PDB file of N, CA and C in Angstrom:
ATOM      1  N   UNK A   1      -9.887  -8.942  12.730  1.00  0.00           N
ATOM      2  CA  UNK A   1     -10.033  -7.515  12.905  1.00  0.00           C
ATOM      3  C   UNK A   1     -11.026  -7.293  14.041  1.00  0.00           C
ATOM      4  N   UNK A   2     -10.661  -6.450  15.021  1.00  0.00           N
ATOM      5  CA  UNK A   2     -11.605  -6.214  16.115  1.00  0.00           C
ATOM      6  C   UNK A   2     -12.568  -5.080  15.757  1.00  0.00           C
ATOM      7  N   UNK A   3     -13.566  -4.885  16.583  1.00  0.00           N
ATOM      8  CA  UNK A   3     -14.686  -3.989  16.265  1.00  0.00           C
ATOM      9  C   UNK A   3     -14.254  -2.547  16.036  1.00  0.00           C
ATOM     10  N   UNK A   4     -13.216  -2.076  16.731  1.00  0.00           N
ATOM     11  CA  UNK A   4     -12.767  -0.703  16.504  1.00  0.00           C
ATOM     12  C   UNK A   4     -12.207  -0.543  15.094  1.00  0.00           C
ATOM     13  N   UNK A   5     -11.403  -1.499  14.666  1.00  0.00           N
ATOM     14  CA  UNK A   5     -10.856  -1.446  13.310  1.00  0.00           C
ATOM     15  C   UNK A   5     -11.966  -1.574  12.268  1.00  0.00           C
ATOM     16  N   UNK A   6     -12.900  -2.485  12.502  1.00  0.00           N
ATOM     17  CA  UNK A   6     -14.008  -2.699  11.576  1.00  0.00           C
ATOM     18  C   UNK A   6     -14.854  -1.444  11.461  1.00  0.00           C
ATOM     19  N   UNK A   7     -15.202  -0.849  12.596  1.00  0.00           N
ATOM     20  CA  UNK A   7     -16.044   0.351  12.561  1.00  0.00           C
ATOM     21  C   UNK A   7     -15.331   1.497  11.868  1.00  0.00           C
ATOM     22  N   UNK A   8     -14.038   1.622  12.081  1.00  0.00           N
ATOM     23  CA  UNK A   8     -13.271   2.675  11.404  1.00  0.00           C
ATOM     24  C   UNK A   8     -13.280   2.457   9.894  1.00  0.00           C
ATOM     25  N   UNK A   9     -13.069   1.217   9.476  1.00  0.00           N
ATOM     26  CA  UNK A   9     -13.039   0.904   8.048  1.00  0.00           C
ATOM     27  C   UNK A   9     -14.397   1.148   7.389  1.00  0.00           C
ATOM     28  N   UNK A  10     -15.471   0.820   8.084  1.00  0.00           N
ATOM     29  CA  UNK A  10     -16.816   0.984   7.524  1.00  0.00           C
ATOM     30  C   UNK A  10     -17.271   2.440   7.483  1.00  0.00           C
ATOM     31  N   UNK A  11     -16.733   3.269   8.379  1.00  0.00           N
ATOM     32  CA  UNK A  11     -17.238   4.636   8.485  1.00  0.00           C
ATOM     33  C   UNK A  11     -16.281   5.700   7.959  1.00  0.00           C
ATOM     34  N   UNK A  12     -15.058   5.346   7.640  1.00  0.00           N
ATOM     35  CA  UNK A  12     -14.121   6.318   7.068  1.00  0.00           C
ATOM     36  C   UNK A  12     -14.663   6.735   5.702  1.00  0.00           C
ATOM     37  N   UNK A  13     -14.626   8.020   5.397  1.00  0.00           N
ATOM     38  CA  UNK A  13     -15.318   8.566   4.223  1.00  0.00           C
ATOM     39  C   UNK A  13     -15.020   7.828   2.925  1.00  0.00           C
ATOM     40  N   UNK A  14     -13.759   7.712   2.532  1.00  0.00           N
ATOM     41  CA  UNK A  14     -13.432   7.087   1.250  1.00  0.00           C
ATOM     42  C   UNK A  14     -13.788   5.609   1.238  1.00  0.00           C
ATOM     43  N   UNK A  15     -13.486   4.905   2.332  1.00  0.00           N
ATOM     44  CA  UNK A  15     -13.806   3.479   2.408  1.00  0.00           C
ATOM     45  C   UNK A  15     -15.307   3.253   2.295  1.00  0.00           C
ATOM     46  N   UNK A  16     -16.084   4.056   3.009  1.00  0.00           N
ATOM     47  CA  UNK A  16     -17.545   3.914   2.982  1.00  0.00           C
ATOM     48  C   UNK A  16     -18.094   4.189   1.582  1.00  0.00           C
ATOM     49  N   UNK A  17     -17.598   5.249   0.934  1.00  0.00           N
ATOM     50  CA  UNK A  17     -18.055   5.565  -0.426  1.00  0.00           C
ATOM     51  C   UNK A  17     -17.756   4.411  -1.385  1.00  0.00           C
ATOM     52  N   UNK A  18     -16.536   3.878  -1.297  1.00  0.00           N
ATOM     53  CA  UNK A  18     -16.129   2.789  -2.188  1.00  0.00           C
ATOM     54  C   UNK A  18     -16.976   1.553  -1.927  1.00  0.00           C
ATOM     55  N   UNK A  19     -17.126   1.195  -0.665  1.00  0.00           N
ATOM     56  CA  UNK A  19     -17.897   0.000  -0.315  1.00  0.00           C
ATOM     57  C   UNK A  19     -19.343   0.128  -0.791  1.00  0.00           C
ATOM     58  N   UNK A  20     -19.956   1.270  -0.580  1.00  0.00           N
ATOM     59  CA  UNK A  20     -21.338   1.481  -1.024  1.00  0.00           C
ATOM     60  C   UNK A  20     -21.451   1.409  -2.545  1.00  0.00           C
ATOM     61  N   UNK A  21     -20.498   2.029  -3.252  1.00  0.00           N
ATOM     62  CA  UNK A  21     -20.528   2.018  -4.720  1.00  0.00           C
ATOM     63  C   UNK A  21     -20.369   0.613  -5.283  1.00  0.00           C
ATOM     64  N   UNK A  22     -19.624  -0.226  -4.566  1.00  0.00           N
ATOM     65  CA  UNK A  22     -19.366  -1.585  -5.051  1.00  0.00           C
ATOM     66  C   UNK A  22     -20.467  -2.569  -4.699  1.00  0.00           C
ATOM     67  N   UNK A  23     -21.519  -2.113  -4.053  1.00  0.00           N
ATOM     68  CA  UNK A  23     -22.636  -2.999  -3.747  1.00  0.00           C
ATOM     69  C   UNK A  23     -23.503  -3.230  -4.981  1.00  0.00           C
ATOM     70  N   UNK A  24     -23.261  -2.487  -6.028  1.00  0.00           N
ATOM     71  CA  UNK A  24     -23.955  -2.698  -7.295  1.00  0.00           C
ATOM     72  C   UNK A  24     -23.075  -3.514  -8.226  1.00  0.00           C
ATOM     73  N   UNK A  25     -23.000  -3.096  -9.470  1.00  0.00           N
ATOM     74  CA  UNK A  25     -22.183  -3.806 -10.452  1.00  0.00           C
ATOM     75  C   UNK A  25     -20.698  -3.581 -10.158  1.00  0.00           C
ATOM     76  N   UNK A  26     -19.825  -4.479 -10.623  1.00  0.00           N
ATOM     77  CA  UNK A  26     -18.387  -4.303 -10.412  1.00  0.00           C
ATOM     78  C   UNK A  26     -17.884  -3.016 -11.073  1.00  0.00           C
ATOM     79  N   UNK A  27     -16.893  -2.393 -10.421  1.00  0.00           N
ATOM     80  CA  UNK A  27     -16.332  -1.143 -10.928  1.00  0.00           C
ATOM     81  C   UNK A  27     -14.811  -1.164 -10.798  1.00  0.00           C
ATOM     82  N   UNK A  28     -14.156  -0.405 -11.656  1.00  0.00           N
ATOM     83  CA  UNK A  28     -12.702  -0.293 -11.616  1.00  0.00           C
ATOM     84  C   UNK A  28     -12.293   0.813 -10.639  1.00  0.00           C
ATOM     85  N   UNK A  29     -11.039   0.811 -10.252  1.00  0.00           N
ATOM     86  CA  UNK A  29     -10.514   1.859  -9.380  1.00  0.00           C
ATOM     87  C   UNK A  29     -10.639   3.222 -10.048  1.00  0.00           C
ATOM     88  N   UNK A  30     -10.370   3.291 -11.332  1.00  0.00           N
ATOM     89  CA  UNK A  30     -10.451   4.554 -12.057  1.00  0.00           C
ATOM     90  C   UNK A  30     -11.891   5.095 -12.068  1.00  0.00           C
ATOM     91  N   UNK A  31     -12.853   4.211 -12.292  1.00  0.00           N
ATOM     92  CA  UNK A  31     -14.253   4.640 -12.269  1.00  0.00           C
ATOM     93  C   UNK A  31     -14.649   5.128 -10.880  1.00  0.00           C
ATOM     94  N   UNK A  32     -14.243   4.401  -9.850  1.00  0.00           N
ATOM     95  CA  UNK A  32     -14.541   4.814  -8.473  1.00  0.00           C
ATOM     96  C   UNK A  32     -13.914   6.174  -8.186  1.00  0.00           C
ATOM     97  N   UNK A  33     -12.670   6.339  -8.568  1.00  0.00           N
ATOM     98  CA  UNK A  33     -11.960   7.594  -8.355  1.00  0.00           C
ATOM     99  C   UNK A  33     -12.673   8.752  -9.045  1.00  0.00           C
ATOM    100  N   UNK A  34     -13.023   8.567 -10.306  1.00  0.00           N
ATOM    101  CA  UNK A  34     -13.680   9.625 -11.088  1.00  0.00           C
ATOM    102  C   UNK A  34     -15.062   9.975 -10.537  1.00  0.00           C
ATOM    103  N   UNK A  35     -15.891   8.970 -10.335  1.00  0.00           N
ATOM    104  CA  UNK A  35     -17.291   9.201  -9.949  1.00  0.00           C
ATOM    105  C   UNK A  35     -17.446   9.651  -8.493  1.00  0.00           C
ATOM    106  N   UNK A  36     -16.532   9.169  -7.619  1.00  0.00           N
ATOM    107  CA  UNK A  36     -16.645   9.494  -6.193  1.00  0.00           C
ATOM    108  C   UNK A  36     -15.751  10.657  -5.781  1.00  0.00           C
ATOM    109  N   UNK A  37     -14.992  11.192  -6.741  1.00  0.00           N
ATOM    110  CA  UNK A  37     -14.092  12.309  -6.485  1.00  0.00           C
ATOM    111  C   UNK A  37     -13.065  11.967  -5.387  1.00  0.00           C
ATOM    112  N   UNK A  38     -12.451  10.805  -5.539  1.00  0.00           N
ATOM    113  CA  UNK A  38     -11.404  10.340  -4.630  1.00  0.00           C
ATOM    114  C   UNK A  38     -10.102  10.316  -5.424  1.00  0.00           C
ATOM    115  N   UNK A  39      -9.023  10.911  -4.901  1.00  0.00           N
ATOM    116  CA  UNK A  39      -7.746  10.833  -5.611  1.00  0.00           C
ATOM    117  C   UNK A  39      -7.386   9.369  -5.892  1.00  0.00           C
ATOM    118  N   UNK A  40      -6.844   9.098  -7.068  1.00  0.00           N
ATOM    119  CA  UNK A  40      -6.607   7.709  -7.488  1.00  0.00           C
ATOM    120  C   UNK A  40      -5.689   6.956  -6.523  1.00  0.00           C
ATOM    121  N   UNK A  41      -4.650   7.605  -6.003  1.00  0.00           N
ATOM    122  CA  UNK A  41      -3.750   6.919  -5.064  1.00  0.00           C
ATOM    123  C   UNK A  41      -4.499   6.533  -3.789  1.00  0.00           C
ATOM    124  N   UNK A  42      -5.325   7.440  -3.280  1.00  0.00           N
ATOM    125  CA  UNK A  42      -6.121   7.149  -2.080  1.00  0.00           C
ATOM    126  C   UNK A  42      -7.128   6.045  -2.373  1.00  0.00           C
ATOM    127  N   UNK A  43      -7.676   6.064  -3.578  1.00  0.00           N
ATOM    128  CA  UNK A  43      -8.643   5.040  -3.975  1.00  0.00           C
ATOM    129  C   UNK A  43      -7.990   3.653  -3.956  1.00  0.00           C
ATOM    130  N   UNK A  44      -6.809   3.545  -4.536  1.00  0.00           N
ATOM    131  CA  UNK A  44      -6.100   2.255  -4.526  1.00  0.00           C
ATOM    132  C   UNK A  44      -5.748   1.823  -3.102  1.00  0.00           C
ATOM    133  N   UNK A  45      -5.342   2.762  -2.242  1.00  0.00           N
ATOM    134  CA  UNK A  45      -5.025   2.412  -0.845  1.00  0.00           C
ATOM    135  C   UNK A  45      -6.254   1.845  -0.144  1.00  0.00           C
ATOM    136  N   UNK A  46      -7.408   2.502  -0.315  1.00  0.00           N
ATOM    137  CA  UNK A  46      -8.632   2.033   0.343  1.00  0.00           C
ATOM    138  C   UNK A  46      -9.101   0.704  -0.244  1.00  0.00           C
ATOM    139  N   UNK A  47      -8.971   0.542  -1.554  1.00  0.00           N
ATOM    140  CA  UNK A  47      -9.324  -0.737  -2.182  1.00  0.00           C
ATOM    141  C   UNK A  47      -8.475  -1.852  -1.591  1.00  0.00           C
ATOM    142  N   UNK A  48      -7.179  -1.607  -1.434  1.00  0.00           N
ATOM    143  CA  UNK A  48      -6.287  -2.622  -0.848  1.00  0.00           C
ATOM    144  C   UNK A  48      -6.693  -2.958   0.579  1.00  0.00           C
ATOM    145  N   UNK A  49      -7.041  -1.944   1.386  1.00  0.00           N
ATOM    146  CA  UNK A  49      -7.489  -2.192   2.766  1.00  0.00           C
ATOM    147  C   UNK A  49      -8.787  -2.998   2.796  1.00  0.00           C
ATOM    148  N   UNK A  50      -9.752  -2.590   1.980  1.00  0.00           N
ATOM    149  CA  UNK A  50     -11.036  -3.292   1.940  1.00  0.00           C
ATOM    150  C   UNK A  50     -10.891  -4.721   1.428  1.00  0.00           C
ATOM    151  N   UNK A  51     -10.005  -4.902   0.458  1.00  0.00           N
ATOM    152  CA  UNK A  51      -9.768  -6.245  -0.080  1.00  0.00           C
ATOM    153  C   UNK A  51      -9.056  -7.115   0.951  1.00  0.00           C
ATOM    154  N   UNK A  52      -8.079  -6.553   1.653  1.00  0.00           N
ATOM    155  CA  UNK A  52      -7.363  -7.305   2.704  1.00  0.00           C
ATOM    156  C   UNK A  52      -8.303  -7.724   3.831  1.00  0.00           C
ATOM    157  N   UNK A  53      -9.291  -6.878   4.113  1.00  0.00           N
ATOM    158  CA  UNK A  53     -10.261  -7.182   5.170  1.00  0.00           C
ATOM    159  C   UNK A  53     -11.331  -8.159   4.696  1.00  0.00           C
ATOM    160  N   UNK A  54     -11.328  -8.489   3.407  1.00  0.00           N
ATOM    161  CA  UNK A  54     -12.311  -9.430   2.872  1.00  0.00           C
ATOM    162  C   UNK A  54     -13.662  -8.807   2.576  1.00  0.00           C
ATOM    163  N   UNK A  55     -13.735  -7.473   2.569  1.00  0.00           N
ATOM    164  CA  UNK A  55     -15.016  -6.799   2.360  1.00  0.00           C
ATOM    165  C   UNK A  55     -15.325  -6.560   0.889  1.00  0.00           C
ATOM    166  N   UNK A  56     -14.311  -6.557   0.048  1.00  0.00           N
ATOM    167  CA  UNK A  56     -14.494  -6.477  -1.404  1.00  0.00           C
ATOM    168  C   UNK A  56     -13.588  -7.507  -2.054  1.00  0.00           C
ATOM    169  N   UNK A  57     -13.836  -7.780  -3.322  1.00  0.00           N
ATOM    170  CA  UNK A  57     -12.976  -8.707  -4.059  1.00  0.00           C
ATOM    171  C   UNK A  57     -12.883  -8.263  -5.511  1.00  0.00           C
ATOM    172  N   UNK A  58     -11.843  -8.723  -6.163  1.00  0.00           N
ATOM    173  CA  UNK A  58     -11.707  -8.498  -7.593  1.00  0.00           C
ATOM    174  C   UNK A  58     -12.542  -9.581  -8.261  1.00  0.00           C
ATOM    175  N   UNK A  59     -13.640  -9.162  -8.879  1.00  0.00           N
ATOM    176  CA  UNK A  59     -14.562 -10.125  -9.470  1.00  0.00           C
ATOM    177  C   UNK A  59     -14.127 -10.556 -10.867  1.00  0.00           C
ATOM    178  N   UNK A  60     -13.476  -9.652 -11.587  1.00  0.00           N
ATOM    179  CA  UNK A  60     -13.017  -9.984 -12.938  1.00  0.00           C
ATOM    180  C   UNK A  60     -11.923  -9.015 -13.356  1.00  0.00           C
ATOM    181  N   UNK A  61     -11.219  -9.402 -14.399  1.00  0.00           N
ATOM    182  CA  UNK A  61     -10.214  -8.524 -15.000  1.00  0.00           C
ATOM    183  C   UNK A  61     -10.637  -8.294 -16.443  1.00  0.00           C
ATOM    184  N   UNK A  62     -10.846  -7.031 -16.777  1.00  0.00           N
ATOM    185  CA  UNK A  62     -11.268  -6.685 -18.136  1.00  0.00           C
ATOM    186  C   UNK A  62     -10.077  -6.186 -18.937  1.00  0.00           C
ATOM    187  N   UNK A  63     -10.144  -6.436 -20.218  1.00  0.00           N
ATOM    188  CA  UNK A  63      -9.120  -5.952 -21.136  1.00  0.00           C
ATOM    189  C   UNK A  63      -9.647  -4.672 -21.784  1.00  0.00           C
ATOM    190  N   UNK A  64      -8.893  -3.574 -21.648  1.00  0.00           N
ATOM    191  CA  UNK A  64      -9.307  -2.304 -22.247  1.00  0.00           C
ATOM    192  C   UNK A  64      -8.978  -2.305 -23.736  1.00  0.00           C
ATOM    193  N   UNK A  65      -9.465  -1.294 -24.425  1.00  0.00           N
ATOM    194  CA  UNK A  65      -9.162  -1.155 -25.853  1.00  0.00           C
ATOM    195  C   UNK A  65      -7.667  -0.968 -26.089  1.00  0.00           C
ATOM    196  N   UNK A  66      -6.997  -0.394 -25.098  1.00  0.00           N
ATOM    197  CA  UNK A  66      -5.550  -0.167 -25.205  1.00  0.00           C
ATOM    198  C   UNK A  66      -4.748  -1.429 -24.874  1.00  0.00           C
ATOM    199  N   UNK A  67      -5.449  -2.516 -24.522  1.00  0.00           N
ATOM    200  CA  UNK A  67      -4.768  -3.771 -24.219  1.00  0.00           C
ATOM    201  C   UNK A  67      -4.312  -3.907 -22.775  1.00  0.00           C
ATOM    202  N   UNK A  68      -4.756  -2.996 -21.920  1.00  0.00           N
ATOM    203  CA  UNK A  68      -4.387  -3.039 -20.501  1.00  0.00           C
ATOM    204  C   UNK A  68      -5.449  -3.807 -19.716  1.00  0.00           C
ATOM    205  N   UNK A  69      -5.016  -4.607 -18.750  1.00  0.00           N
ATOM    206  CA  UNK A  69      -5.952  -5.339 -17.879  1.00  0.00           C
ATOM    207  C   UNK A  69      -6.336  -4.461 -16.697  1.00  0.00           C
ATOM    208  N   UNK A  70      -7.636  -4.428 -16.422  1.00  0.00           N
ATOM    209  CA  UNK A  70      -8.171  -3.604 -15.341  1.00  0.00           C
ATOM    210  C   UNK A  70      -8.971  -4.492 -14.399  1.00  0.00           C
ATOM    211  N   UNK A  71      -8.683  -4.395 -13.100  1.00  0.00           N
ATOM    212  CA  UNK A  71      -9.439  -5.141 -12.097  1.00  0.00           C
ATOM    213  C   UNK A  71     -10.801  -4.492 -11.887  1.00  0.00           C
ATOM    214  N   UNK A  72     -11.824  -5.325 -11.810  1.00  0.00           N
ATOM    215  CA  UNK A  72     -13.180  -4.877 -11.532  1.00  0.00           C
ATOM    216  C   UNK A  72     -13.570  -5.408 -10.152  1.00  0.00           C
ATOM    217  N   UNK A  73     -13.874  -4.507  -9.244  1.00  0.00           N
ATOM    218  CA  UNK A  73     -14.130  -4.869  -7.851  1.00  0.00           C
ATOM    219  C   UNK A  73     -15.613  -4.888  -7.538  1.00  0.00           C
ATOM    220  N   UNK A  74     -15.965  -5.738  -6.571  1.00  0.00           N
ATOM    221  CA  UNK A  74     -17.358  -5.868  -6.128  1.00  0.00           C
ATOM    222  C   UNK A  74     -17.354  -6.074  -4.615  1.00  0.00           C
ATOM    223  N   UNK A  75     -18.370  -5.527  -3.954  1.00  0.00           N
ATOM    224  CA  UNK A  75     -18.511  -5.695  -2.507  1.00  0.00           C
ATOM    225  C   UNK A  75     -18.904  -7.129  -2.176  1.00  0.00           C
ATOM    226  N   UNK A  76     -18.378  -7.642  -1.074  1.00  0.00           N
ATOM    227  CA  UNK A  76     -18.798  -8.933  -0.547  1.00  0.00           C
ATOM    228  C   UNK A  76     -19.787  -8.730   0.602  1.00  0.00           C
ATOM    229  N   UNK A  77     -19.996  -7.467   0.982  1.00  0.00           N
ATOM    230  CA  UNK A  77     -20.854  -7.110   2.115  1.00  0.00           C
ATOM    231  C   UNK A  77     -22.289  -6.904   1.654  1.00  0.00           C
ATOM    232  N   UNK A  78     -23.203  -7.511   2.390  1.00  0.00           N
ATOM    233  CA  UNK A  78     -24.637  -7.292   2.148  1.00  0.00           C
ATOM    234  C   UNK A  78     -25.144  -6.186   3.076  1.00  0.00           C
ATOM    235  N   UNK A  79     -24.755  -6.261   4.348  1.00  0.00           N
ATOM    236  CA  UNK A  79     -25.153  -5.235   5.319  1.00  0.00           C
ATOM    237  C   UNK A  79     -24.150  -5.240   6.474  1.00  0.00           C
ATOM    238  N   UNK A  80     -24.161  -4.152   7.235  1.00  0.00           N
ATOM    239  CA  UNK A  80     -23.257  -4.044   8.383  1.00  0.00           C
ATOM    240  C   UNK A  80     -23.918  -3.207   9.461  1.00  0.00           C
ATOM    241  N   UNK A  81     -23.592  -3.525  10.715  1.00  0.00           N
ATOM    242  CA  UNK A  81     -24.096  -2.726  11.832  1.00  0.00           C
ATOM    243  C   UNK A  81     -23.015  -2.608  12.895  1.00  0.00           C
ATOM    244  N   UNK A  82     -23.045  -1.490  13.572  1.00  0.00           N
ATOM    245  CA  UNK A  82     -22.107  -1.219  14.656  1.00  0.00           C
ATOM    246  C   UNK A  82     -22.947  -0.794  15.853  1.00  0.00           C
ATOM    247  N   UNK A  83     -22.712  -1.418  16.999  1.00  0.00           N
ATOM    248  CA  UNK A  83     -23.479  -1.087  18.201  1.00  0.00           C
ATOM    249  C   UNK A  83     -22.530  -0.793  19.353  1.00  0.00           C
ATOM    250  N   UNK A  84     -22.836   0.279  20.075  1.00  0.00           N
ATOM    251  CA  UNK A  84     -22.096   0.576  21.300  1.00  0.00           C
ATOM    252  C   UNK A  84     -22.937   0.071  22.450  1.00  0.00           C
ATOM    253  N   UNK A  85     -22.295  -0.702  23.311  1.00  0.00           N
ATOM    254  CA  UNK A  85     -22.983  -1.273  24.462  1.00  0.00           C
ATOM    255  C   UNK A  85     -22.318  -0.750  25.729  1.00  0.00           C
ATOM    256  N   UNK A  86     -22.748  -1.231  26.854  1.00  0.00           N
ATOM    257  CA  UNK A  86     -22.271  -0.729  28.137  1.00  0.00           C
ATOM    258  C   UNK A  86     -20.752  -0.695  28.244  1.00  0.00           C
ATOM    259  N   UNK A  87     -20.086  -1.738  27.832  1.00  0.00           N
ATOM    260  CA  UNK A  87     -18.639  -1.778  28.007  1.00  0.00           C
ATOM    261  C   UNK A  87     -17.889  -2.080  26.713  1.00  0.00           C
ATOM    262  N   UNK A  88     -18.524  -1.873  25.579  1.00  0.00           N
ATOM    263  CA  UNK A  88     -17.795  -2.179  24.360  1.00  0.00           C
ATOM    264  C   UNK A  88     -18.536  -1.845  23.080  1.00  0.00           C
ATOM    265  N   UNK A  89     -17.909  -2.251  22.010  1.00  0.00           N
ATOM    266  CA  UNK A  89     -18.442  -2.041  20.662  1.00  0.00           C
ATOM    267  C   UNK A  89     -18.561  -3.401  19.994  1.00  0.00           C
ATOM    268  N   UNK A  90     -19.658  -3.590  19.282  1.00  0.00           N
ATOM    269  CA  UNK A  90     -19.872  -4.827  18.528  1.00  0.00           C
ATOM    270  C   UNK A  90     -20.136  -4.455  17.078  1.00  0.00           C
ATOM    271  N   UNK A  91     -19.403  -5.098  16.183  1.00  0.00           N
ATOM    272  CA  UNK A  91     -19.614  -4.908  14.744  1.00  0.00           C
ATOM    273  C   UNK A  91     -20.068  -6.240  14.157  1.00  0.00           C
ATOM    274  N   UNK A  92     -21.076  -6.175  13.300  1.00  0.00           N
ATOM    275  CA  UNK A  92     -21.589  -7.383  12.648  1.00  0.00           C
ATOM    276  C   UNK A  92     -21.758  -7.082  11.170  1.00  0.00           C
ATOM    277  N   UNK A  93     -21.122  -7.916  10.346  1.00  0.00           N
ATOM    278  CA  UNK A  93     -21.188  -7.752   8.899  1.00  0.00           C
ATOM    279  C   UNK A  93     -21.802  -9.000   8.300  1.00  0.00           C
ATOM    280  N   UNK A  94     -22.864  -8.805   7.519  1.00  0.00           N
ATOM    281  CA  UNK A  94     -23.462  -9.914   6.789  1.00  0.00           C
ATOM    282  C   UNK A  94     -22.892  -9.887   5.381  1.00  0.00           C
ATOM    283  N   UNK A  95     -22.323 -11.024   4.969  1.00  0.00           N
ATOM    284  CA  UNK A  95     -21.719 -11.122   3.653  1.00  0.00           C
ATOM    285  C   UNK A  95     -22.754 -11.599   2.636  1.00  0.00           C
ATOM    286  N   UNK A  96     -22.479 -11.358   1.362  1.00  0.00           N
ATOM    287  CA  UNK A  96     -23.447 -11.742   0.326  1.00  0.00           C
ATOM    288  C   UNK A  96     -23.632 -13.251   0.232  1.00  0.00           C
ATOM    289  N   UNK A  97     -22.672 -14.018   0.763  1.00  0.00           N
ATOM    290  CA  UNK A  97     -22.810 -15.478   0.736  1.00  0.00           C
ATOM    291  C   UNK A  97     -23.602 -16.014   1.926  1.00  0.00           C
ATOM    292  N   UNK A  98     -24.140 -15.106   2.770  1.00  0.00           N
ATOM    293  CA  UNK A  98     -24.964 -15.518   3.903  1.00  0.00           C
ATOM    294  C   UNK A  98     -24.202 -15.712   5.198  1.00  0.00           C
ATOM    295  N   UNK A  99     -22.883 -15.624   5.173  1.00  0.00           N
ATOM    296  CA  UNK A  99     -22.101 -15.758   6.396  1.00  0.00           C
ATOM    297  C   UNK A  99     -22.044 -14.418   7.125  1.00  0.00           C
ATOM    298  N   UNK A 100     -21.616 -14.467   8.383  1.00  0.00           N
ATOM    299  CA  UNK A 100     -21.499 -13.270   9.206  1.00  0.00           C
ATOM    300  C   UNK A 100     -20.085 -13.152   9.745  1.00  0.00           C
ATOM    301  N   UNK A 101     -19.627 -11.922   9.859  1.00  0.00           N
ATOM    302  CA  UNK A 101     -18.366 -11.624  10.547  1.00  0.00           C
ATOM    303  C   UNK A 101     -18.751 -10.798  11.766  1.00  0.00           C
ATOM    304  N   UNK A 102     -18.503 -11.336  12.949  1.00  0.00           N
ATOM    305  CA  UNK A 102     -18.793 -10.636  14.195  1.00  0.00           C
ATOM    306  C   UNK A 102     -17.488 -10.290  14.872  1.00  0.00           C
ATOM    307  N   UNK A 103     -17.386  -9.070  15.366  1.00  0.00           N
ATOM    308  CA  UNK A 103     -16.194  -8.693  16.120  1.00  0.00           C
ATOM    309  C   UNK A 103     -16.609  -7.818  17.291  1.00  0.00           C
ATOM    310  N   UNK A 104     -15.864  -7.938  18.371  1.00  0.00           N
ATOM    311  CA  UNK A 104     -16.161  -7.203  19.599  1.00  0.00           C
ATOM    312  C   UNK A 104     -14.910  -6.498  20.093  1.00  0.00           C
ATOM    313  N   UNK A 105     -15.124  -5.406  20.782  1.00  0.00           N
ATOM    314  CA  UNK A 105     -14.056  -4.712  21.485  1.00  0.00           C
ATOM    315  C   UNK A 105     -14.644  -4.282  22.811  1.00  0.00           C
ATOM    316  N   UNK A 106     -14.063  -4.751  23.890  1.00  0.00           N
ATOM    317  CA  UNK A 106     -14.582  -4.448  25.225  1.00  0.00           C
ATOM    318  C   UNK A 106     -13.482  -3.878  26.108  1.00  0.00           C
ATOM    319  N   UNK A 107     -13.891  -3.046  27.032  1.00  0.00           N
ATOM    320  CA  UNK A 107     -12.958  -2.592  28.056  1.00  0.00           C
ATOM    321  C   UNK A 107     -13.438  -3.144  29.391  1.00  0.00           C
ATOM    322  N   UNK A 108     -12.507  -3.365  30.279  1.00  0.00           N
ATOM    323  CA  UNK A 108     -12.816  -3.891  31.595  1.00  0.00           C
ATOM    324  C   UNK A 108     -13.280  -2.724  32.460  1.00  0.00           C
ATOM    325  N   UNK A 109     -14.553  -2.652  32.751  1.00  0.00           N
ATOM    326  CA  UNK A 109     -15.108  -1.547  33.526  1.00  0.00           C
ATOM    327  C   UNK A 109     -14.629  -1.572  34.980  1.00  0.00           C
ATOM    328  N   UNK A 110     -14.079  -2.692  35.415  1.00  0.00           N
ATOM    329  CA  UNK A 110     -13.572  -2.795  36.790  1.00  0.00           C
ATOM    330  C   UNK A 110     -12.406  -1.831  37.027  1.00  0.00           C
ATOM    331  N   UNK A 111     -11.731  -1.413  35.973  1.00  0.00           N
ATOM    332  CA  UNK A 111     -10.604  -0.498  36.161  1.00  0.00           C
ATOM    333  C   UNK A 111     -11.069   0.860  36.683  1.00  0.00           C
ATOM    334  N   UNK A 112     -12.379   1.130  36.580  1.00  0.00           N
ATOM    335  CA  UNK A 112     -12.926   2.385  37.074  1.00  0.00           C
ATOM    336  C   UNK A 112     -13.553   2.239  38.455  1.00  0.00           C
ATOM    337  N   UNK A 113     -13.513   1.033  39.001  1.00  0.00           N
ATOM    338  CA  UNK A 113     -14.086   0.811  40.339  1.00  0.00           C
ATOM    339  C   UNK A 113     -13.196   1.480  41.370  1.00  0.00           C
ATOM    340  N   UNK A 114     -13.837   2.043  42.347  1.00  0.00           N
ATOM    341  CA  UNK A 114     -13.063   2.711  43.418  1.00  0.00           C
ATOM    342  C   UNK A 114     -12.479   1.664  44.346  1.00  0.00           C
ATOM    343  N   UNK A 115     -11.279   1.920  44.752  1.00  0.00           N
ATOM    344  CA  UNK A 115     -10.571   0.966  45.619  1.00  0.00           C
ATOM    345  C   UNK A 115     -10.935   1.139  47.062  1.00  0.00           C
TER     346      UNK A 115
END
């Protein structure tokens, strides 16, 4: 994922709310939807995007009183930063396991040079 995609995922309202909420104890999609006032379908879409990007994971599956299995999600992100530089954007994500995900997006400033 390049820095533009990463920055969009980290700063989009629902994704950011979900990611921040999951930095504590694991939570279900229904709990996230209820507490964060996110429609359940949108909540599942954002969970799928965040999980595909490796920013959250299903930490456990709980059995409800009704006998239904519910996924409990947790953030894998410890911290994140986005920086705009002279010719690009740099995103850096520190994961809870101590690893880093760095991504860059640059434009060739020479395209603006006068001929």
